[in-house]
Amino acid sequence: MAIRKGLSKPIGSLTQMGTVRLGKRTENRAPTIQEFVPLASLNDIVFGGWDIFDDNCYEAARTAGVLEPALLDQIKDELAAIKPWPAVFDRQYVKRLDGPNVKKGKNKKDLANQVIDDIRKFKAQHNLNRLVMVWCGSTEVFMTEAPCHESMAAFEKGLEASDPAIPSSMIYAYAAISEGIPYANAAPNLSADIPALLELAAKTGSPLTGKDLKTGQTLIKTIIAPGLKARLIGIEGWYSTNILGNRDGEVLDDPESFKTKEESKKSVLDYILQPNLYPELYGDLHHVVRINYYPPRGDNKEGWDNIDLVGWLGYKMQLKVNFLCRDSILAAPIVLDVALFLDLAKRAGMSGIQEWLSFYFKSPMYAKGLYPEHDLFIQLMKLKNTLRYMRGEDMITHLGREYYD
């Protein structure tokens, strides 16, 4: 809203500020992405959502304390008009939170139908053509696939029986995908990435992406690790710790929710460094991830990394990174980009897993039989090549022999 009013620039948003090279370097064609592909305009976006607290968006933003009051007051009317619907919530899955604005139903199928009803009313009320759902809820407890996840028939029975293997985020995913709406999981927990919901997405045409937005420490990790690997510099250890004091930090103070986040954050190095191919360099890597809830820091997260390196002739070195960042400020442009790109994918007839959006996620979804690509620079190449493909432009391979032959 602040961007729409010209109060600030959309810094951090690829859809709003990024460019895409077309053709040879000698052609000097590099339009902005929003000029190149038909993205929805920011002026056409209408916001709606659910929350376990009934504060409107202006009140919630003032409570969160991320944005300066002077800025919030300039968009107060627009924010105050957005009031959350009662949420699907169960403390079984997020133990450190509770709130009064929660749906009640006879079973999880009933709750899913209530969410679908909210979606349909919202679409009709605002005369909307298309919708996108992004799950931005708190990290749920660690879960693995269960029998009720294996097929849609089993999942429907699980909803009717309120199977404990179906958490709140899965109910939202089911509701969105049932309506053919694109769905993104911005948290690390199991959600749309189960066989049943992939089956449903194939039927309804919903594009899917996730999981766990790549914002702070893991963003830096996926920038640094590919560079060290490219130069074949050995890594003995990578110690990562975070302190943060927002609601995310409070939720992750619970060991079961932290387990979900830990699995997401730790998997990155395994796939980037490929210790199976480079056992002498990365086979004995000690990778430690810690998150500490520290209320005085609020949303201003601090991430420390200590990296123990091994260079030529076995000489030891160290690299230390201290990233003082703002969690929500880094996440906001990603949520915007993911929503706009998912809407584009839906209009382009691209359903199911959208691996080209892995650029935005710590634990990207991928097809069975593959491994996820975590290298940020390969992910960006994949994203931009997908846009070129959509528009009938040549893929950029960076071979470059045509300039010298």
Protein backbone atom coordinates (compact mmCIF):
# COMPACT_ATOMS: atom_id res chain seq x y z
CA MET A 1 0.00 0.00 0.00
CA ALA A 2 2.87 2.35 0.80
CA ILE A 3 4.43 1.47 -2.58
CA ARG A 4 1.14 2.14 -4.38
CA LYS A 5 0.95 5.57 -2.77
CA GLY A 6 4.52 6.38 -3.81
CA LEU A 7 5.69 6.57 -0.19
CA SER A 8 8.59 4.20 -0.79
CA LYS A 9 10.33 2.04 -3.39
CA PRO A 10 9.74 -1.74 -3.77
CA ILE A 11 13.31 -2.61 -2.76
CA GLY A 12 13.93 -6.36 -2.67
CA SER A 13 11.19 -7.20 -5.17
CA LEU A 14 12.30 -8.92 -8.36
CA THR A 15 8.89 -8.42 -9.98
CA GLN A 16 8.97 -4.66 -9.37
CA MET A 17 12.65 -3.76 -9.83
CA GLY A 18 14.31 -6.71 -11.59
CA THR A 19 15.32 -6.98 -15.24
CA VAL A 20 15.75 -9.93 -17.59
CA ARG A 21 18.38 -10.10 -20.33
CA LEU A 22 17.08 -11.19 -23.74
CA GLY A 23 19.18 -12.48 -26.62
CA LYS A 24 22.89 -11.87 -27.03
CA ARG A 25 24.87 -9.43 -24.89
CA THR A 26 25.47 -7.35 -28.02
CA GLU A 27 21.73 -6.76 -28.44
CA ASN A 28 21.43 -4.74 -25.21
CA ARG A 29 17.89 -5.95 -24.52
CA ALA A 30 17.12 -5.97 -20.80
CA PRO A 31 13.50 -4.99 -20.07
CA THR A 32 12.15 -4.96 -16.55
CA ILE A 33 10.39 -8.17 -15.61
CA GLN A 34 7.07 -6.40 -15.20
CA GLU A 35 7.44 -5.03 -18.75
CA PHE A 36 8.39 -8.45 -20.13
CA VAL A 37 5.66 -10.66 -18.66
CA PRO A 38 2.04 -9.69 -17.92
CA LEU A 39 2.13 -9.47 -14.14
CA ALA A 40 -0.85 -8.19 -12.19
CA SER A 41 -0.56 -4.52 -11.25
CA LEU A 42 -0.06 -3.55 -7.61
CA ASN A 43 -3.11 -1.33 -8.03
CA ASP A 44 -5.26 -4.41 -8.70
CA ILE A 45 -4.32 -6.30 -5.53
CA VAL A 46 -6.89 -6.69 -2.74
CA PHE A 47 -5.80 -8.18 0.59
CA GLY A 48 -7.68 -10.54 2.86
CA GLY A 49 -6.79 -13.23 5.36
CA TRP A 50 -7.22 -15.03 8.64
CA ASP A 51 -5.66 -14.50 12.08
CA ILE A 52 -6.14 -15.90 15.57
CA PHE A 53 -6.19 -12.30 16.85
CA ASP A 54 -9.03 -10.01 15.77
CA ASP A 55 -7.02 -6.79 15.44
CA ASN A 56 -7.38 -5.12 12.07
CA CYS A 57 -4.20 -4.78 9.98
CA TYR A 58 -3.44 -1.27 11.23
CA GLU A 59 -3.74 -2.35 14.87
CA ALA A 60 -1.70 -5.49 14.21
CA ALA A 61 1.04 -3.50 12.48
CA ARG A 62 1.23 -1.02 15.37
CA THR A 63 1.48 -3.92 17.83
CA ALA A 64 4.21 -5.65 15.81
CA GLY A 65 6.32 -2.50 15.83
CA VAL A 66 8.13 -3.31 12.57
CA LEU A 67 7.10 -0.21 10.60
CA GLU A 68 7.39 3.35 11.86
CA PRO A 69 4.10 4.88 13.07
CA ALA A 70 4.62 7.84 10.76
CA LEU A 71 4.47 5.53 7.74
CA LEU A 72 1.58 3.44 9.08
CA ASP A 73 -0.49 6.54 9.74
CA GLN A 74 -0.29 7.48 6.04
CA ILE A 75 -2.00 4.22 5.08
CA LYS A 76 -4.12 3.87 8.22
CA ASP A 77 -7.51 3.86 6.49
CA GLU A 78 -6.54 1.13 4.01
CA LEU A 79 -5.00 -1.05 6.71
CA ALA A 80 -7.82 -0.57 9.21
CA ALA A 81 -10.32 -1.73 6.58
CA ILE A 82 -8.67 -5.17 6.48
CA LYS A 83 -10.13 -7.23 9.31
CA PRO A 84 -9.11 -10.88 9.69
CA TRP A 85 -11.59 -13.69 9.48
CA PRO A 86 -11.59 -16.27 12.28
CA ALA A 87 -8.72 -18.69 11.73
CA VAL A 88 -8.37 -22.44 11.69
CA PHE A 89 -6.01 -23.01 14.62
CA ASP A 90 -5.07 -25.81 17.02
CA ARG A 91 -2.43 -25.45 19.74
CA GLN A 92 -1.48 -29.06 19.12
CA TYR A 93 0.54 -27.77 16.15
CA VAL A 94 1.75 -24.37 17.44
CA LYS A 95 2.16 -24.69 21.19
CA ARG A 96 3.40 -21.21 22.11
CA LEU A 97 0.48 -19.26 20.65
CA ASP A 98 -3.20 -18.87 21.40
CA GLY A 99 -5.88 -16.38 20.43
CA PRO A 100 -9.61 -15.70 20.56
CA ASN A 101 -10.41 -15.39 16.84
CA VAL A 102 -10.66 -19.09 16.03
CA LYS A 103 -13.16 -21.12 14.00
CA LYS A 104 -15.15 -23.96 15.51
CA GLY A 105 -16.45 -26.95 13.58
CA LYS A 106 -17.62 -30.51 14.01
CA ASN A 107 -14.50 -31.82 12.23
CA LYS A 108 -11.63 -30.68 10.00
CA LYS A 109 -13.74 -31.11 6.88
CA ASP A 110 -16.22 -28.62 8.32
CA LEU A 111 -13.36 -26.19 9.06
CA ALA A 112 -12.07 -26.56 5.50
CA ASN A 113 -15.54 -25.80 4.14
CA GLN A 114 -15.67 -22.66 6.30
CA VAL A 115 -12.38 -21.51 4.78
CA ILE A 116 -13.73 -22.19 1.28
CA ASP A 117 -16.82 -20.16 2.16
CA ASP A 118 -14.60 -17.26 3.31
CA ILE A 119 -12.71 -17.40 0.02
CA ARG A 120 -15.84 -17.36 -2.10
CA LYS A 121 -17.41 -14.49 -0.15
CA PHE A 122 -14.19 -12.45 -0.39
CA LYS A 123 -14.00 -13.01 -4.14
CA ALA A 124 -17.63 -12.00 -4.64
CA GLN A 125 -17.47 -9.00 -2.28
CA HIS A 126 -14.54 -7.45 -4.13
CA ASN A 127 -15.53 -8.66 -7.62
CA LEU A 128 -12.18 -10.42 -8.06
CA ASN A 129 -11.15 -12.40 -11.12
CA ARG A 130 -8.31 -14.39 -9.54
CA LEU A 131 -6.95 -15.31 -6.11
CA VAL A 132 -3.64 -16.50 -4.63
CA MET A 133 -3.14 -17.91 -1.13
CA VAL A 134 0.17 -17.60 0.74
CA TRP A 135 0.45 -19.41 4.08
CA CYS A 136 2.32 -17.00 6.38
CA GLY A 137 1.30 -18.69 9.62
CA SER A 138 3.65 -19.72 12.38
CA THR A 139 5.87 -22.78 12.03
CA GLU A 140 3.97 -25.90 13.01
CA VAL A 141 5.47 -28.90 14.80
CA PHE A 142 7.63 -31.31 12.84
CA MET A 143 5.59 -33.89 10.92
CA THR A 144 6.25 -36.57 8.31
CA GLU A 145 3.92 -38.11 5.75
CA ALA A 146 1.16 -40.27 7.22
CA PRO A 147 -1.30 -42.76 5.65
CA CYS A 148 -3.97 -40.06 5.30
CA HIS A 149 -1.60 -38.09 3.04
CA GLU A 150 -1.18 -40.84 0.44
CA SER A 151 -4.23 -40.10 -1.72
CA MET A 152 -7.17 -37.70 -1.94
CA ALA A 153 -9.54 -40.46 -0.91
CA ALA A 154 -7.49 -41.06 2.25
CA PHE A 155 -7.15 -37.33 2.88
CA GLU A 156 -10.91 -36.73 2.60
CA LYS A 157 -11.48 -39.50 5.14
CA GLY A 158 -8.82 -37.93 7.37
CA LEU A 159 -10.64 -34.58 7.26
CA GLU A 160 -13.92 -36.23 8.22
CA ALA A 161 -12.20 -38.06 11.09
CA SER A 162 -10.16 -35.00 12.18
CA ASP A 163 -6.97 -37.02 11.74
CA PRO A 164 -4.19 -35.46 13.88
CA ALA A 165 -1.82 -35.83 10.89
CA ILE A 166 -3.70 -32.98 9.18
CA PRO A 167 -2.51 -29.68 10.72
CA SER A 168 -4.09 -26.26 10.22
CA SER A 169 -1.86 -25.29 7.29
CA MET A 170 -2.97 -28.39 5.39
CA ILE A 171 -6.61 -27.40 5.85
CA TYR A 172 -5.89 -24.03 4.23
CA ALA A 173 -3.91 -25.70 1.43
CA TYR A 174 -6.76 -28.10 0.77
CA ALA A 175 -9.27 -25.23 0.67
CA ALA A 176 -7.18 -23.20 -1.79
CA ILE A 177 -6.33 -26.11 -4.08
CA SER A 178 -9.95 -27.33 -4.09
CA GLU A 179 -10.89 -23.93 -5.52
CA GLY A 180 -8.09 -24.05 -8.12
CA ILE A 181 -6.24 -21.25 -6.35
CA PRO A 182 -2.41 -21.05 -6.46
CA TYR A 183 -0.92 -21.89 -3.05
CA ALA A 184 2.46 -21.04 -1.50
CA ASN A 185 3.80 -22.24 1.84
CA ALA A 186 6.02 -19.55 3.38
CA ALA A 187 6.72 -21.69 6.47
CA PRO A 188 8.82 -24.87 6.74
CA ASN A 189 6.11 -27.26 7.94
CA LEU A 190 4.50 -30.03 5.90
CA SER A 191 1.58 -28.55 4.01
CA ALA A 192 0.81 -28.91 0.28
CA ASP A 193 3.84 -31.15 -0.31
CA ILE A 194 2.01 -34.45 0.18
CA PRO A 195 0.78 -36.89 -2.50
CA ALA A 196 -2.89 -36.19 -1.79
CA LEU A 197 -2.70 -32.45 -2.37
CA LEU A 198 -0.39 -32.86 -5.37
CA GLU A 199 -3.07 -35.16 -6.79
CA LEU A 200 -5.73 -32.53 -6.11
CA ALA A 201 -3.62 -29.76 -7.70
CA ALA A 202 -3.25 -31.83 -10.88
CA LYS A 203 -7.04 -32.06 -11.00
CA THR A 204 -7.87 -28.41 -10.26
CA GLY A 205 -4.89 -26.77 -12.00
CA SER A 206 -3.46 -25.06 -8.92
CA PRO A 207 0.21 -24.02 -9.09
CA LEU A 208 2.10 -24.83 -5.86
CA THR A 209 5.33 -23.54 -4.35
CA GLY A 210 7.22 -23.49 -1.05
CA LYS A 211 8.59 -24.05 1.54
CA ASP A 212 10.03 -21.61 4.07
CA LEU A 213 10.89 -18.15 2.74
CA LYS A 214 14.62 -17.60 2.27
CA THR A 215 15.16 -14.28 4.02
CA GLY A 216 18.00 -13.84 6.52
CA GLN A 217 20.74 -16.24 7.49
CA THR A 218 19.84 -18.89 4.93
CA LEU A 219 19.83 -16.29 2.15
CA ILE A 220 23.42 -15.41 3.06
CA LYS A 221 24.27 -19.13 3.30
CA THR A 222 23.02 -19.77 -0.25
CA ILE A 223 25.11 -16.85 -1.50
CA ILE A 224 28.37 -17.79 0.27
CA ALA A 225 28.29 -21.60 0.01
CA PRO A 226 28.12 -21.77 -3.82
CA GLY A 227 31.13 -19.42 -4.02
CA LEU A 228 33.23 -21.53 -1.65
CA LYS A 229 32.24 -24.70 -3.49
CA ALA A 230 32.99 -23.16 -6.90
CA ARG A 231 36.55 -22.49 -5.74
CA LEU A 232 36.73 -25.97 -4.08
CA ILE A 233 37.57 -24.51 -0.70
CA GLY A 234 37.05 -27.12 2.01
CA ILE A 235 34.66 -26.57 4.90
CA GLU A 236 35.14 -28.35 8.23
CA GLY A 237 32.37 -26.63 10.13
CA TRP A 238 29.56 -24.10 9.78
CA TYR A 239 28.08 -22.84 13.04
CA SER A 240 24.94 -20.71 12.68
CA THR A 241 23.03 -19.06 15.48
CA ASN A 242 20.16 -16.56 15.48
CA ILE A 243 18.57 -14.30 18.04
CA LEU A 244 15.15 -12.81 17.41
CA GLY A 245 12.36 -11.55 19.58
CA ASN A 246 9.25 -11.49 17.42
CA ARG A 247 6.38 -13.97 17.44
CA ASP A 248 8.35 -16.23 15.11
CA GLY A 249 11.08 -16.43 17.75
CA GLU A 250 8.53 -17.21 20.44
CA VAL A 251 7.03 -20.04 18.39
CA LEU A 252 10.45 -21.48 17.56
CA ASP A 253 11.27 -21.56 21.27
CA ASP A 254 9.16 -24.71 21.31
CA PRO A 255 11.41 -27.72 20.49
CA GLU A 256 8.87 -29.34 18.17
CA SER A 257 8.44 -26.22 16.02
CA PHE A 258 12.21 -25.63 16.09
CA LYS A 259 12.73 -29.17 14.74
CA THR A 260 10.71 -28.21 11.65
CA LYS A 261 12.78 -25.06 11.10
CA GLU A 262 16.07 -26.84 11.81
CA GLU A 263 15.39 -29.48 9.16
CA SER A 264 14.69 -26.74 6.62
CA LYS A 265 17.76 -24.64 7.45
CA LYS A 266 20.22 -27.53 7.69
CA SER A 267 19.31 -29.19 4.38
CA VAL A 268 20.65 -26.27 2.34
CA LEU A 269 24.37 -27.05 2.71
CA ASP A 270 23.94 -30.78 2.09
CA TYR A 271 22.60 -30.14 -1.40
CA ILE A 272 24.81 -27.19 -2.34
CA LEU A 273 28.11 -28.75 -1.24
CA GLN A 274 27.31 -32.31 -2.45
CA PRO A 275 29.54 -34.15 0.06
CA ASN A 276 28.90 -37.41 -1.79
CA LEU A 277 30.78 -35.98 -4.79
CA TYR A 278 33.39 -34.07 -2.77
CA PRO A 279 34.00 -36.20 0.33
CA GLU A 280 37.53 -34.83 0.94
CA LEU A 281 36.20 -31.26 1.05
CA TYR A 282 32.78 -31.57 2.69
CA GLY A 283 32.38 -35.19 3.85
CA ASP A 284 32.98 -34.43 7.54
CA LEU A 285 31.21 -31.06 7.71
CA HIS A 286 29.91 -30.17 11.19
CA HIS A 287 26.80 -28.06 10.55
CA VAL A 288 25.10 -26.61 13.64
CA VAL A 289 21.98 -24.40 13.64
CA ARG A 290 20.66 -22.59 16.73
CA ILE A 291 17.75 -20.17 17.20
CA ASN A 292 17.31 -18.28 20.46
CA TYR A 293 14.25 -16.31 21.48
CA TYR A 294 15.40 -12.94 22.79
CA PRO A 295 12.45 -10.53 23.23
CA PRO A 296 14.46 -7.25 23.40
CA ARG A 297 15.50 -7.70 19.75
CA GLY A 298 11.93 -7.73 18.42
CA ASP A 299 11.76 -8.17 14.64
CA ASN A 300 15.42 -7.13 14.24
CA LYS A 301 16.92 -10.59 13.87
CA GLU A 302 20.66 -11.13 14.21
CA GLY A 303 22.39 -14.06 12.57
CA TRP A 304 25.97 -15.10 13.34
CA ASP A 305 27.88 -17.57 11.19
CA ASN A 306 31.32 -19.00 11.90
CA ILE A 307 32.73 -20.99 8.97
CA ASP A 308 35.89 -23.07 9.43
CA LEU A 309 37.64 -23.38 6.06
CA VAL A 310 40.47 -25.50 4.68
CA GLY A 311 42.61 -24.17 1.83
CA TRP A 312 45.67 -25.09 -0.23
CA LEU A 313 48.04 -27.54 1.52
CA GLY A 314 45.45 -27.99 4.28
CA TYR A 315 45.91 -24.54 5.81
CA LYS A 316 43.01 -23.49 8.04
CA MET A 317 41.04 -20.24 7.63
CA GLN A 318 37.86 -18.74 9.02
CA LEU A 319 35.02 -16.65 7.68
CA LYS A 320 32.66 -14.87 10.08
CA VAL A 321 29.39 -13.20 9.16
CA ASN A 322 27.18 -11.06 11.39
CA PHE A 323 23.92 -10.19 9.63
CA LEU A 324 21.73 -7.70 11.50
CA CYS A 325 18.53 -7.86 9.55
CA ARG A 326 14.82 -7.22 9.79
CA ASP A 327 12.84 -10.40 9.27
CA SER A 328 9.58 -8.91 8.02
CA ILE A 329 11.32 -6.33 5.82
CA LEU A 330 13.17 -9.13 4.01
CA ALA A 331 10.06 -11.33 3.77
CA ALA A 332 7.56 -8.76 2.46
CA PRO A 333 8.93 -8.37 -1.09
CA ILE A 334 9.25 -12.15 -1.39
CA VAL A 335 5.59 -12.67 -0.49
CA LEU A 336 4.66 -10.10 -3.14
CA ASP A 337 6.84 -11.73 -5.81
CA VAL A 338 5.59 -15.23 -5.05
CA ALA A 339 1.96 -14.11 -5.24
CA LEU A 340 2.45 -12.32 -8.56
CA PHE A 341 4.46 -15.15 -10.12
CA LEU A 342 1.95 -17.78 -8.97
CA ASP A 343 -0.85 -15.76 -10.52
CA LEU A 344 1.19 -15.61 -13.74
CA ALA A 345 1.75 -19.38 -13.61
CA LYS A 346 -1.97 -20.00 -13.19
CA ARG A 347 -2.78 -17.87 -16.23
CA ALA A 348 -0.05 -19.65 -18.20
CA GLY A 349 -1.64 -23.04 -17.44
CA MET A 350 1.22 -24.21 -15.22
CA SER A 351 -0.14 -26.41 -12.45
CA GLY A 352 1.47 -28.41 -9.65
CA ILE A 353 4.98 -27.79 -8.31
CA GLN A 354 6.60 -24.59 -9.62
CA GLU A 355 10.27 -25.44 -9.14
CA TRP A 356 11.29 -22.24 -10.96
CA LEU A 357 10.21 -20.34 -7.82
CA SER A 358 12.70 -22.24 -5.62
CA PHE A 359 14.73 -18.98 -5.66
CA TYR A 360 12.55 -17.77 -2.81
CA PHE A 361 12.61 -20.79 -0.48
CA LYS A 362 14.90 -22.57 1.99
CA SER A 363 13.32 -25.95 1.36
CA PRO A 364 11.98 -25.82 -2.21
CA MET A 365 9.40 -28.27 -3.47
CA TYR A 366 10.58 -30.63 -6.21
CA ALA A 367 9.39 -33.59 -8.21
CA LYS A 368 9.75 -37.12 -6.91
CA GLY A 369 13.04 -38.69 -7.94
CA LEU A 370 14.91 -35.37 -8.09
CA TYR A 371 16.91 -33.46 -5.51
CA PRO A 372 16.24 -29.78 -4.70
CA GLU A 373 18.42 -27.06 -6.19
CA HIS A 374 19.60 -24.67 -3.44
CA ASP A 375 22.28 -22.65 -5.24
CA LEU A 376 20.78 -19.13 -5.34
CA PHE A 377 22.42 -18.27 -8.67
CA ILE A 378 21.23 -21.45 -10.42
CA GLN A 379 17.77 -20.81 -8.96
CA LEU A 380 17.74 -17.28 -10.41
CA MET A 381 18.84 -18.57 -13.81
CA LYS A 382 16.02 -21.14 -13.69
CA LEU A 383 13.48 -18.43 -12.80
CA LYS A 384 14.52 -16.06 -15.57
CA ASN A 385 14.79 -18.84 -18.16
CA THR A 386 11.23 -19.84 -17.28
CA LEU A 387 10.10 -16.29 -18.01
CA ARG A 388 12.01 -16.36 -21.32
CA TYR A 389 10.36 -19.69 -22.14
CA MET A 390 6.92 -18.26 -21.44
CA ARG A 391 7.54 -15.45 -23.93
CA GLY A 392 9.20 -17.53 -26.63
CA GLU A 393 12.68 -16.07 -26.12
CA ASP A 394 15.90 -18.09 -26.31
CA MET A 395 17.23 -19.55 -23.09
CA ILE A 396 20.42 -17.94 -21.74
CA THR A 397 23.10 -20.62 -21.20
CA HIS A 398 26.13 -18.29 -20.79
CA LEU A 399 28.14 -20.51 -23.18
CA GLY A 400 29.19 -17.43 -25.17
CA ARG A 401 31.05 -19.18 -28.01
CA GLU A 402 29.06 -17.23 -30.60
CA TYR A 403 31.02 -14.10 -29.75
CA TYR A 404 34.36 -15.74 -30.64
CA ASP A 405 33.63 -18.26 -33.43
